[in-house]
């Protein structure tokens, strides 16, 4: 007896891919609906990200204002007035740095 080779799913013939897109206009409407949903979701994500960025900017402004108030109460020059050359430099490393386990 002769055995029939089994190709799996690739060997099953169907009618699903035999037709042009003109015969299946519902697919275009489904694609349009899918794109519209994605557009709505991305718009919401964009608005949410913008709101988060605005909240971060607001908090940063509050931090700077609070720092200035604290510096004024201690009677220290603001950070902008302190030059980077007046700050002490870190000490130079001496010898090798070894970590022992």
PDB file of N, CA and C in Angstrom:
ATOM      1  N   UNK A   1       0.821  -1.178   0.000  1.00  0.00           N
ATOM      2  CA  UNK A   1       0.000   0.000   0.000  1.00  0.00           C
ATOM      3  C   UNK A   1       0.871   1.249   0.000  1.00  0.00           C
ATOM      4  N   UNK A   2       0.438   2.228  -0.701  1.00  0.00           N
ATOM      5  CA  UNK A   2       1.176   3.477  -0.807  1.00  0.00           C
ATOM      6  C   UNK A   2       0.716   4.455   0.279  1.00  0.00           C
ATOM      7  N   UNK A   3       1.691   5.060   1.008  1.00  0.00           N
ATOM      8  CA  UNK A   3       1.365   6.016   2.079  1.00  0.00           C
ATOM      9  C   UNK A   3       1.247   7.413   1.499  1.00  0.00           C
ATOM     10  N   UNK A   4       0.278   8.126   1.996  1.00  0.00           N
ATOM     11  CA  UNK A   4       0.093   9.525   1.604  1.00  0.00           C
ATOM     12  C   UNK A   4       0.921  10.388   2.564  1.00  0.00           C
ATOM     13  N   UNK A   5       1.833  11.217   2.025  1.00  0.00           N
ATOM     14  CA  UNK A   5       2.628  12.075   2.929  1.00  0.00           C
ATOM     15  C   UNK A   5       1.746  13.143   3.573  1.00  0.00           C
ATOM     16  N   UNK A   6       1.985  13.368   4.846  1.00  0.00           N
ATOM     17  CA  UNK A   6       1.228  14.389   5.581  1.00  0.00           C
ATOM     18  C   UNK A   6       2.084  15.644   5.687  1.00  0.00           C
ATOM     19  N   UNK A   7       1.572  16.732   5.203  1.00  0.00           N
ATOM     20  CA  UNK A   7       2.289  18.001   5.247  1.00  0.00           C
ATOM     21  C   UNK A   7       1.856  18.875   6.422  1.00  0.00           C
ATOM     22  N   UNK A   8       0.900  18.447   7.170  1.00  0.00           N
ATOM     23  CA  UNK A   8       0.413  19.255   8.284  1.00  0.00           C
ATOM     24  C   UNK A   8      -0.608  20.275   7.809  1.00  0.00           C
ATOM     25  N   UNK A   9      -0.637  21.413   8.457  1.00  0.00           N
ATOM     26  CA  UNK A   9      -1.609  22.454   8.121  1.00  0.00           C
ATOM     27  C   UNK A   9      -1.371  23.045   6.739  1.00  0.00           C
ATOM     28  N   UNK A  10      -0.128  22.995   6.266  1.00  0.00           N
ATOM     29  CA  UNK A  10       0.165  23.558   4.956  1.00  0.00           C
ATOM     30  C   UNK A  10      -0.512  22.771   3.835  1.00  0.00           C
ATOM     31  N   UNK A  11      -0.826  21.505   4.088  1.00  0.00           N
ATOM     32  CA  UNK A  11      -1.441  20.678   3.052  1.00  0.00           C
ATOM     33  C   UNK A  11      -2.943  20.817   2.965  1.00  0.00           C
ATOM     34  N   UNK A  12      -3.563  21.508   3.878  1.00  0.00           N
ATOM     35  CA  UNK A  12      -5.018  21.666   3.872  1.00  0.00           C
ATOM     36  C   UNK A  12      -5.366  22.834   2.969  1.00  0.00           C
ATOM     37  N   UNK A  13      -6.176  22.540   1.988  1.00  0.00           N
ATOM     38  CA  UNK A  13      -6.575  23.606   1.063  1.00  0.00           C
ATOM     39  C   UNK A  13      -7.862  24.254   1.548  1.00  0.00           C
ATOM     40  N   UNK A  14      -7.865  25.574   1.548  1.00  0.00           N
ATOM     41  CA  UNK A  14      -9.050  26.319   1.968  1.00  0.00           C
ATOM     42  C   UNK A  14      -9.371  27.387   0.938  1.00  0.00           C
ATOM     43  N   UNK A  15     -10.516  27.984   1.109  1.00  0.00           N
ATOM     44  CA  UNK A  15     -10.954  29.049   0.203  1.00  0.00           C
ATOM     45  C   UNK A  15     -10.701  30.433   0.810  1.00  0.00           C
ATOM     46  N   UNK A  16     -10.043  30.489   1.961  1.00  0.00           N
ATOM     47  CA  UNK A  16      -9.931  31.755   2.672  1.00  0.00           C
ATOM     48  C   UNK A  16      -9.090  32.791   1.935  1.00  0.00           C
ATOM     49  N   UNK A  17      -8.071  32.382   1.220  1.00  0.00           N
ATOM     50  CA  UNK A  17      -7.218  33.350   0.555  1.00  0.00           C
ATOM     51  C   UNK A  17      -7.537  33.514  -0.914  1.00  0.00           C
ATOM     52  N   UNK A  18      -8.621  32.985  -1.374  1.00  0.00           N
ATOM     53  CA  UNK A  18      -8.976  33.078  -2.795  1.00  0.00           C
ATOM     54  C   UNK A  18      -9.997  34.181  -3.013  1.00  0.00           C
ATOM     55  N   UNK A  19      -9.628  35.318  -3.027  1.00  0.00           N
ATOM     56  CA  UNK A  19     -10.554  36.413  -3.264  1.00  0.00           C
ATOM     57  C   UNK A  19      -9.811  37.714  -3.112  1.00  0.00           C
ATOM     58  N   UNK A  20     -10.245  38.679  -3.842  1.00  0.00           N
ATOM     59  CA  UNK A  20      -9.579  39.969  -3.761  1.00  0.00           C
ATOM     60  C   UNK A  20     -10.161  40.766  -2.598  1.00  0.00           C
ATOM     61  N   UNK A  21      -9.511  41.844  -2.290  1.00  0.00           N
ATOM     62  CA  UNK A  21     -10.022  42.710  -1.230  1.00  0.00           C
ATOM     63  C   UNK A  21     -11.329  43.376  -1.629  1.00  0.00           C
ATOM     64  N   UNK A  22     -11.564  43.451  -2.908  1.00  0.00           N
ATOM     65  CA  UNK A  22     -12.830  44.045  -3.361  1.00  0.00           C
ATOM     66  C   UNK A  22     -13.999  43.152  -2.974  1.00  0.00           C
ATOM     67  N   UNK A  23     -13.773  41.854  -2.855  1.00  0.00           N
ATOM     68  CA  UNK A  23     -14.838  40.943  -2.457  1.00  0.00           C
ATOM     69  C   UNK A  23     -15.013  40.925  -0.946  1.00  0.00           C
ATOM     70  N   UNK A  24     -14.060  41.486  -0.206  1.00  0.00           N
ATOM     71  CA  UNK A  24     -14.137  41.501   1.251  1.00  0.00           C
ATOM     72  C   UNK A  24     -14.003  42.931   1.774  1.00  0.00           C
ATOM     73  N   UNK A  25     -14.982  43.771   1.532  1.00  0.00           N
ATOM     74  CA  UNK A  25     -14.871  45.161   2.000  1.00  0.00           C
ATOM     75  C   UNK A  25     -14.942  45.285   3.523  1.00  0.00           C
ATOM     76  N   UNK A  26     -15.506  44.290   4.197  1.00  0.00           N
ATOM     77  CA  UNK A  26     -15.603  44.377   5.656  1.00  0.00           C
ATOM     78  C   UNK A  26     -14.215  44.402   6.302  1.00  0.00           C
ATOM     79  N   UNK A  27     -13.225  43.818   5.630  1.00  0.00           N
ATOM     80  CA  UNK A  27     -11.866  43.850   6.176  1.00  0.00           C
ATOM     81  C   UNK A  27     -11.332  45.285   6.234  1.00  0.00           C
ATOM     82  N   UNK A  28     -11.652  46.075   5.238  1.00  0.00           N
ATOM     83  CA  UNK A  28     -11.203  47.470   5.234  1.00  0.00           C
ATOM     84  C   UNK A  28     -11.849  48.253   6.373  1.00  0.00           C
ATOM     85  N   UNK A  29     -13.125  47.975   6.624  1.00  0.00           N
ATOM     86  CA  UNK A  29     -13.805  48.666   7.722  1.00  0.00           C
ATOM     87  C   UNK A  29     -13.222  48.230   9.071  1.00  0.00           C
ATOM     88  N   UNK A  30     -12.877  46.944   9.188  1.00  0.00           N
ATOM     89  CA  UNK A  30     -12.249  46.473  10.419  1.00  0.00           C
ATOM     90  C   UNK A  30     -10.888  47.126  10.623  1.00  0.00           C
ATOM     91  N   UNK A  31     -10.118  47.267   9.551  1.00  0.00           N
ATOM     92  CA  UNK A  31      -8.831  47.942   9.645  1.00  0.00           C
ATOM     93  C   UNK A  31      -8.997  49.405  10.028  1.00  0.00           C
ATOM     94  N   UNK A  32     -10.001  50.051   9.448  1.00  0.00           N
ATOM     95  CA  UNK A  32     -10.271  51.450   9.806  1.00  0.00           C
ATOM     96  C   UNK A  32     -10.633  51.586  11.284  1.00  0.00           C
ATOM     97  N   UNK A  33     -11.470  50.672  11.767  1.00  0.00           N
ATOM     98  CA  UNK A  33     -11.875  50.714  13.171  1.00  0.00           C
ATOM     99  C   UNK A  33     -10.671  50.469  14.085  1.00  0.00           C
ATOM    100  N   UNK A  34      -9.817  49.515  13.697  1.00  0.00           N
ATOM    101  CA  UNK A  34      -8.638  49.215  14.492  1.00  0.00           C
ATOM    102  C   UNK A  34      -7.692  50.421  14.554  1.00  0.00           C
ATOM    103  N   UNK A  35      -7.501  51.075  13.426  1.00  0.00           N
ATOM    104  CA  UNK A  35      -6.637  52.256  13.390  1.00  0.00           C
ATOM    105  C   UNK A  35      -7.220  53.403  14.217  1.00  0.00           C
ATOM    106  N   UNK A  36      -8.520  53.558  14.179  1.00  0.00           N
ATOM    107  CA  UNK A  36      -9.162  54.617  14.958  1.00  0.00           C
ATOM    108  C   UNK A  36      -9.000  54.355  16.459  1.00  0.00           C
ATOM    109  N   UNK A  37      -9.130  53.094  16.873  1.00  0.00           N
ATOM    110  CA  UNK A  37      -8.931  52.755  18.283  1.00  0.00           C
ATOM    111  C   UNK A  37      -7.490  53.011  18.715  1.00  0.00           C
ATOM    112  N   UNK A  38      -6.552  52.647  17.866  1.00  0.00           N
ATOM    113  CA  UNK A  38      -5.153  52.892  18.200  1.00  0.00           C
ATOM    114  C   UNK A  38      -4.861  54.387  18.283  1.00  0.00           C
ATOM    115  N   UNK A  39      -5.448  55.156  17.376  1.00  0.00           N
ATOM    116  CA  UNK A  39      -5.262  56.612  17.386  1.00  0.00           C
ATOM    117  C   UNK A  39      -5.791  57.206  18.685  1.00  0.00           C
ATOM    118  N   UNK A  40      -6.952  56.754  19.121  1.00  0.00           N
ATOM    119  CA  UNK A  40      -7.544  57.243  20.368  1.00  0.00           C
ATOM    120  C   UNK A  40      -6.659  56.885  21.556  1.00  0.00           C
ATOM    121  N   UNK A  41      -6.168  55.655  21.578  1.00  0.00           N
ATOM    122  CA  UNK A  41      -5.318  55.215  22.682  1.00  0.00           C
ATOM    123  C   UNK A  41      -4.018  56.013  22.718  1.00  0.00           C
ATOM    124  N   UNK A  42      -3.409  56.238  21.564  1.00  0.00           N
ATOM    125  CA  UNK A  42      -2.158  56.998  21.513  1.00  0.00           C
ATOM    126  C   UNK A  42      -2.372  58.457  21.923  1.00  0.00           C
ATOM    127  N   UNK A  43      -3.512  59.020  21.563  1.00  0.00           N
ATOM    128  CA  UNK A  43      -3.824  60.394  21.964  1.00  0.00           C
ATOM    129  C   UNK A  43      -3.940  60.488  23.479  1.00  0.00           C
ATOM    130  N   UNK A  44      -4.596  59.510  24.096  1.00  0.00           N
ATOM    131  CA  UNK A  44      -4.716  59.494  25.549  1.00  0.00           C
ATOM    132  C   UNK A  44      -3.350  59.348  26.206  1.00  0.00           C
ATOM    133  N   UNK A  45      -2.488  58.481  25.639  1.00  0.00           N
ATOM    134  CA  UNK A  45      -1.145  58.309  26.182  1.00  0.00           C
ATOM    135  C   UNK A  45      -0.355  59.609  26.096  1.00  0.00           C
ATOM    136  N   UNK A  46      -0.500  60.311  24.979  1.00  0.00           N
ATOM    137  CA  UNK A  46       0.218  61.573  24.786  1.00  0.00           C
ATOM    138  C   UNK A  46      -0.236  62.619  25.803  1.00  0.00           C
ATOM    139  N   UNK A  47      -1.547  62.721  26.012  1.00  0.00           N
ATOM    140  CA  UNK A  47      -2.070  63.683  26.982  1.00  0.00           C
ATOM    141  C   UNK A  47      -1.604  63.336  28.393  1.00  0.00           C
ATOM    142  N   UNK A  48      -1.597  62.060  28.713  1.00  0.00           N
ATOM    143  CA  UNK A  48      -1.164  61.625  30.039  1.00  0.00           C
ATOM    144  C   UNK A  48       0.315  61.928  30.248  1.00  0.00           C
ATOM    145  N   UNK A  49       1.127  61.675  29.236  1.00  0.00           N
ATOM    146  CA  UNK A  49       2.557  61.966  29.342  1.00  0.00           C
ATOM    147  C   UNK A  49       2.797  63.470  29.474  1.00  0.00           C
ATOM    148  N   UNK A  50       2.038  64.274  28.755  1.00  0.00           N
ATOM    149  CA  UNK A  50       2.161  65.726  28.872  1.00  0.00           C
ATOM    150  C   UNK A  50       1.793  66.213  30.262  1.00  0.00           C
ATOM    151  N   UNK A  51       0.759  65.614  30.847  1.00  0.00           N
ATOM    152  CA  UNK A  51       0.342  65.986  32.201  1.00  0.00           C
ATOM    153  C   UNK A  51       1.419  65.606  33.213  1.00  0.00           C
ATOM    154  N   UNK A  52       2.013  64.416  33.044  1.00  0.00           N
ATOM    155  CA  UNK A  52       3.089  64.004  33.948  1.00  0.00           C
ATOM    156  C   UNK A  52       4.280  64.944  33.842  1.00  0.00           C
ATOM    157  N   UNK A  53       4.635  65.339  32.617  1.00  0.00           N
ATOM    158  CA  UNK A  53       5.754  66.266  32.428  1.00  0.00           C
ATOM    159  C   UNK A  53       5.449  67.613  33.068  1.00  0.00           C
ATOM    160  N   UNK A  54       4.215  68.087  32.945  1.00  0.00           N
ATOM    161  CA  UNK A  54       3.834  69.359  33.561  1.00  0.00           C
ATOM    162  C   UNK A  54       3.918  69.262  35.085  1.00  0.00           C
ATOM    163  N   UNK A  55       3.495  68.126  35.643  1.00  0.00           N
ATOM    164  CA  UNK A  55       3.586  67.945  37.103  1.00  0.00           C
ATOM    165  C   UNK A  55       5.039  67.937  37.571  1.00  0.00           C
ATOM    166  N   UNK A  56       5.914  67.306  36.798  1.00  0.00           N
ATOM    167  CA  UNK A  56       7.333  67.272  37.157  1.00  0.00           C
ATOM    168  C   UNK A  56       7.924  68.675  37.098  1.00  0.00           C
ATOM    169  N   UNK A  57       7.603  69.429  36.044  1.00  0.00           N
ATOM    170  CA  UNK A  57       8.109  70.807  35.935  1.00  0.00           C
ATOM    171  C   UNK A  57       7.624  71.667  37.092  1.00  0.00           C
ATOM    172  N   UNK A  58       6.368  71.491  37.483  1.00  0.00           N
ATOM    173  CA  UNK A  58       5.805  72.259  38.593  1.00  0.00           C
ATOM    174  C   UNK A  58       6.541  71.933  39.887  1.00  0.00           C
ATOM    175  N   UNK A  59       6.794  70.650  40.111  1.00  0.00           N
ATOM    176  CA  UNK A  59       7.492  70.243  41.332  1.00  0.00           C
ATOM    177  C   UNK A  59       8.936  70.758  41.340  1.00  0.00           C
ATOM    178  N   UNK A  60       9.599  70.724  40.193  1.00  0.00           N
ATOM    179  CA  UNK A  60      10.966  71.257  40.119  1.00  0.00           C
ATOM    180  C   UNK A  60      10.994  72.745  40.455  1.00  0.00           C
ATOM    181  N   UNK A  61      10.008  73.499  39.981  1.00  0.00           N
ATOM    182  CA  UNK A  61       9.936  74.921  40.296  1.00  0.00           C
ATOM    183  C   UNK A  61       9.719  75.123  41.795  1.00  0.00           C
ATOM    184  N   UNK A  62       8.882  74.280  42.414  1.00  0.00           N
ATOM    185  CA  UNK A  62       8.658  74.371  43.851  1.00  0.00           C
ATOM    186  C   UNK A  62       9.944  74.070  44.621  1.00  0.00           C
ATOM    187  N   UNK A  63      10.703  73.093  44.150  1.00  0.00           N
ATOM    188  CA  UNK A  63      11.959  72.735  44.825  1.00  0.00           C
ATOM    189  C   UNK A  63      12.944  73.892  44.770  1.00  0.00           C
ATOM    190  N   UNK A  64      13.080  74.522  43.604  1.00  0.00           N
ATOM    191  CA  UNK A  64      14.003  75.654  43.462  1.00  0.00           C
ATOM    192  C   UNK A  64      13.559  76.795  44.364  1.00  0.00           C
ATOM    193  N   UNK A  65      12.270  77.064  44.422  1.00  0.00           N
ATOM    194  CA  UNK A  65      11.764  78.141  45.276  1.00  0.00           C
ATOM    195  C   UNK A  65      12.045  77.837  46.746  1.00  0.00           C
ATOM    196  N   UNK A  66      11.832  76.594  47.147  1.00  0.00           N
ATOM    197  CA  UNK A  66      12.083  76.220  48.541  1.00  0.00           C
ATOM    198  C   UNK A  66      13.572  76.294  48.866  1.00  0.00           C
ATOM    199  N   UNK A  67      14.430  75.894  47.922  1.00  0.00           N
ATOM    200  CA  UNK A  67      15.871  76.008  48.140  1.00  0.00           C
ATOM    201  C   UNK A  67      16.276  77.462  48.322  1.00  0.00           C
ATOM    202  N   UNK A  68      15.743  78.344  47.488  1.00  0.00           N
ATOM    203  CA  UNK A  68      16.073  79.765  47.596  1.00  0.00           C
ATOM    204  C   UNK A  68      15.620  80.340  48.933  1.00  0.00           C
ATOM    205  N   UNK A  69      14.442  79.941  49.422  1.00  0.00           N
ATOM    206  CA  UNK A  69      13.955  80.417  50.718  1.00  0.00           C
ATOM    207  C   UNK A  69      14.876  79.946  51.840  1.00  0.00           C
ATOM    208  N   UNK A  70      15.288  78.677  51.775  1.00  0.00           N
ATOM    209  CA  UNK A  70      16.171  78.152  52.814  1.00  0.00           C
ATOM    210  C   UNK A  70      17.537  78.826  52.773  1.00  0.00           C
ATOM    211  N   UNK A  71      18.058  79.052  51.591  1.00  0.00           N
ATOM    212  CA  UNK A  71      19.353  79.726  51.477  1.00  0.00           C
ATOM    213  C   UNK A  71      19.269  81.171  51.965  1.00  0.00           C
ATOM    214  N   UNK A  72      18.148  81.829  51.684  1.00  0.00           N
ATOM    215  CA  UNK A  72      17.982  83.211  52.141  1.00  0.00           C
ATOM    216  C   UNK A  72      17.870  83.276  53.659  1.00  0.00           C
ATOM    217  N   UNK A  73      17.230  82.275  54.262  1.00  0.00           N
ATOM    218  CA  UNK A  73      17.079  82.294  55.716  1.00  0.00           C
ATOM    219  C   UNK A  73      18.400  82.007  56.420  1.00  0.00           C
ATOM    220  N   UNK A  74      19.314  81.318  55.761  1.00  0.00           N
ATOM    221  CA  UNK A  74      20.610  81.017  56.355  1.00  0.00           C
ATOM    222  C   UNK A  74      21.621  82.097  55.986  1.00  0.00           C
ATOM    223  N   UNK A  75      21.230  83.002  55.112  1.00  0.00           N
ATOM    224  CA  UNK A  75      22.074  84.089  54.633  1.00  0.00           C
ATOM    225  C   UNK A  75      23.321  83.567  53.909  1.00  0.00           C
ATOM    226  N   UNK A  76      23.090  82.633  53.021  1.00  0.00           N
ATOM    227  CA  UNK A  76      24.171  82.078  52.200  1.00  0.00           C
ATOM    228  C   UNK A  76      23.919  82.536  50.775  1.00  0.00           C
ATOM    229  N   UNK A  77      24.985  82.749  50.045  1.00  0.00           N
ATOM    230  CA  UNK A  77      24.842  83.172  48.651  1.00  0.00           C
ATOM    231  C   UNK A  77      24.137  82.071  47.862  1.00  0.00           C
ATOM    232  N   UNK A  78      23.297  82.462  46.904  1.00  0.00           N
ATOM    233  CA  UNK A  78      22.621  81.449  46.094  1.00  0.00           C
ATOM    234  C   UNK A  78      23.628  80.622  45.302  1.00  0.00           C
ATOM    235  N   UNK A  79      23.224  79.467  44.879  1.00  0.00           N
ATOM    236  CA  UNK A  79      24.113  78.558  44.167  1.00  0.00           C
ATOM    237  C   UNK A  79      24.662  79.168  42.888  1.00  0.00           C
ATOM    238  N   UNK A  80      23.887  79.983  42.222  1.00  0.00           N
ATOM    239  CA  UNK A  80      24.345  80.572  40.967  1.00  0.00           C
ATOM    240  C   UNK A  80      25.529  81.500  41.207  1.00  0.00           C
ATOM    241  N   UNK A  81      25.610  82.118  42.396  1.00  0.00           N
ATOM    242  CA  UNK A  81      26.682  83.053  42.680  1.00  0.00           C
ATOM    243  C   UNK A  81      27.969  82.349  43.088  1.00  0.00           C
ATOM    244  N   UNK A  82      27.888  81.093  43.490  1.00  0.00           N
ATOM    245  CA  UNK A  82      29.074  80.353  43.896  1.00  0.00           C
ATOM    246  C   UNK A  82      29.781  79.864  42.640  1.00  0.00           C
ATOM    247  N   UNK A  83      31.047  80.200  42.508  1.00  0.00           N
ATOM    248  CA  UNK A  83      31.782  79.780  41.316  1.00  0.00           C
ATOM    249  C   UNK A  83      32.306  78.357  41.503  1.00  0.00           C
ATOM    250  N   UNK A  84      32.407  77.609  40.419  1.00  0.00           N
ATOM    251  CA  UNK A  84      32.881  76.232  40.545  1.00  0.00           C
ATOM    252  C   UNK A  84      34.350  76.144  40.939  1.00  0.00           C
ATOM    253  N   UNK A  85      35.132  77.210  40.718  1.00  0.00           N
ATOM    254  CA  UNK A  85      36.555  77.174  41.076  1.00  0.00           C
ATOM    255  C   UNK A  85      36.763  77.348  42.564  1.00  0.00           C
ATOM    256  N   UNK A  86      35.791  77.907  43.285  1.00  0.00           N
ATOM    257  CA  UNK A  86      35.954  78.121  44.716  1.00  0.00           C
ATOM    258  C   UNK A  86      35.699  76.846  45.508  1.00  0.00           C
ATOM    259  N   UNK A  87      35.076  75.864  44.890  1.00  0.00           N
ATOM    260  CA  UNK A  87      34.804  74.615  45.574  1.00  0.00           C
ATOM    261  C   UNK A  87      36.096  73.804  45.673  1.00  0.00           C
ATOM    262  N   UNK A  88      36.330  73.150  46.809  1.00  0.00           N
ATOM    263  CA  UNK A  88      37.554  72.362  46.953  1.00  0.00           C
ATOM    264  C   UNK A  88      37.522  71.149  46.022  1.00  0.00           C
ATOM    265  N   UNK A  89      38.696  70.799  45.507  1.00  0.00           N
ATOM    266  CA  UNK A  89      38.767  69.649  44.614  1.00  0.00           C
ATOM    267  C   UNK A  89      38.906  68.386  45.449  1.00  0.00           C
ATOM    268  N   UNK A  90      38.431  67.261  44.921  1.00  0.00           N
ATOM    269  CA  UNK A  90      38.539  66.017  45.682  1.00  0.00           C
ATOM    270  C   UNK A  90      39.999  65.608  45.802  1.00  0.00           C
ATOM    271  N   UNK A  91      40.358  64.924  46.880  1.00  0.00           N
ATOM    272  CA  UNK A  91      41.753  64.537  47.075  1.00  0.00           C
ATOM    273  C   UNK A  91      42.201  63.553  45.994  1.00  0.00           C
ATOM    274  N   UNK A  92      43.487  63.629  45.648  1.00  0.00           N
ATOM    275  CA  UNK A  92      44.040  62.741  44.634  1.00  0.00           C
ATOM    276  C   UNK A  92      44.163  61.340  45.220  1.00  0.00           C
ATOM    277  N   UNK A  93      43.879  60.308  44.436  1.00  0.00           N
ATOM    278  CA  UNK A  93      43.990  58.942  44.960  1.00  0.00           C
ATOM    279  C   UNK A  93      45.452  58.592  45.231  1.00  0.00           C
ATOM    280  N   UNK A  94      45.667  57.864  46.292  1.00  0.00           N
ATOM    281  CA  UNK A  94      47.029  57.479  46.655  1.00  0.00           C
ATOM    282  C   UNK A  94      47.158  55.965  46.530  1.00  0.00           C
ATOM    283  N   UNK A  95      48.062  55.535  45.691  1.00  0.00           N
ATOM    284  CA  UNK A  95      48.315  54.112  45.539  1.00  0.00           C
ATOM    285  C   UNK A  95      47.198  53.392  44.796  1.00  0.00           C
ATOM    286  N   UNK A  96      47.186  52.080  44.946  1.00  0.00           N
ATOM    287  CA  UNK A  96      46.188  51.250  44.270  1.00  0.00           C
ATOM    288  C   UNK A  96      44.965  51.071  45.140  1.00  0.00           C
ATOM    289  N   UNK A  97      43.863  50.874  44.475  1.00  0.00           N
ATOM    290  CA  UNK A  97      42.618  50.581  45.186  1.00  0.00           C
ATOM    291  C   UNK A  97      42.341  49.099  44.990  1.00  0.00           C
ATOM    292  N   UNK A  98      42.357  48.335  46.045  1.00  0.00           N
ATOM    293  CA  UNK A  98      42.156  46.880  45.935  1.00  0.00           C
ATOM    294  C   UNK A  98      40.969  46.469  46.774  1.00  0.00           C
ATOM    295  N   UNK A  99      40.198  45.605  46.216  1.00  0.00           N
ATOM    296  CA  UNK A  99      39.091  45.012  46.957  1.00  0.00           C
ATOM    297  C   UNK A  99      39.439  43.551  47.199  1.00  0.00           C
ATOM    298  N   UNK A 100      39.393  43.130  48.423  1.00  0.00           N
ATOM    299  CA  UNK A 100      39.715  41.735  48.759  1.00  0.00           C
ATOM    300  C   UNK A 100      38.442  41.035  49.194  1.00  0.00           C
ATOM    301  N   UNK A 101      38.294  39.851  48.680  1.00  0.00           N
ATOM    302  CA  UNK A 101      37.117  39.050  49.017  1.00  0.00           C
ATOM    303  C   UNK A 101      37.496  37.929  49.949  1.00  0.00           C
TER     304      UNK A 101
END
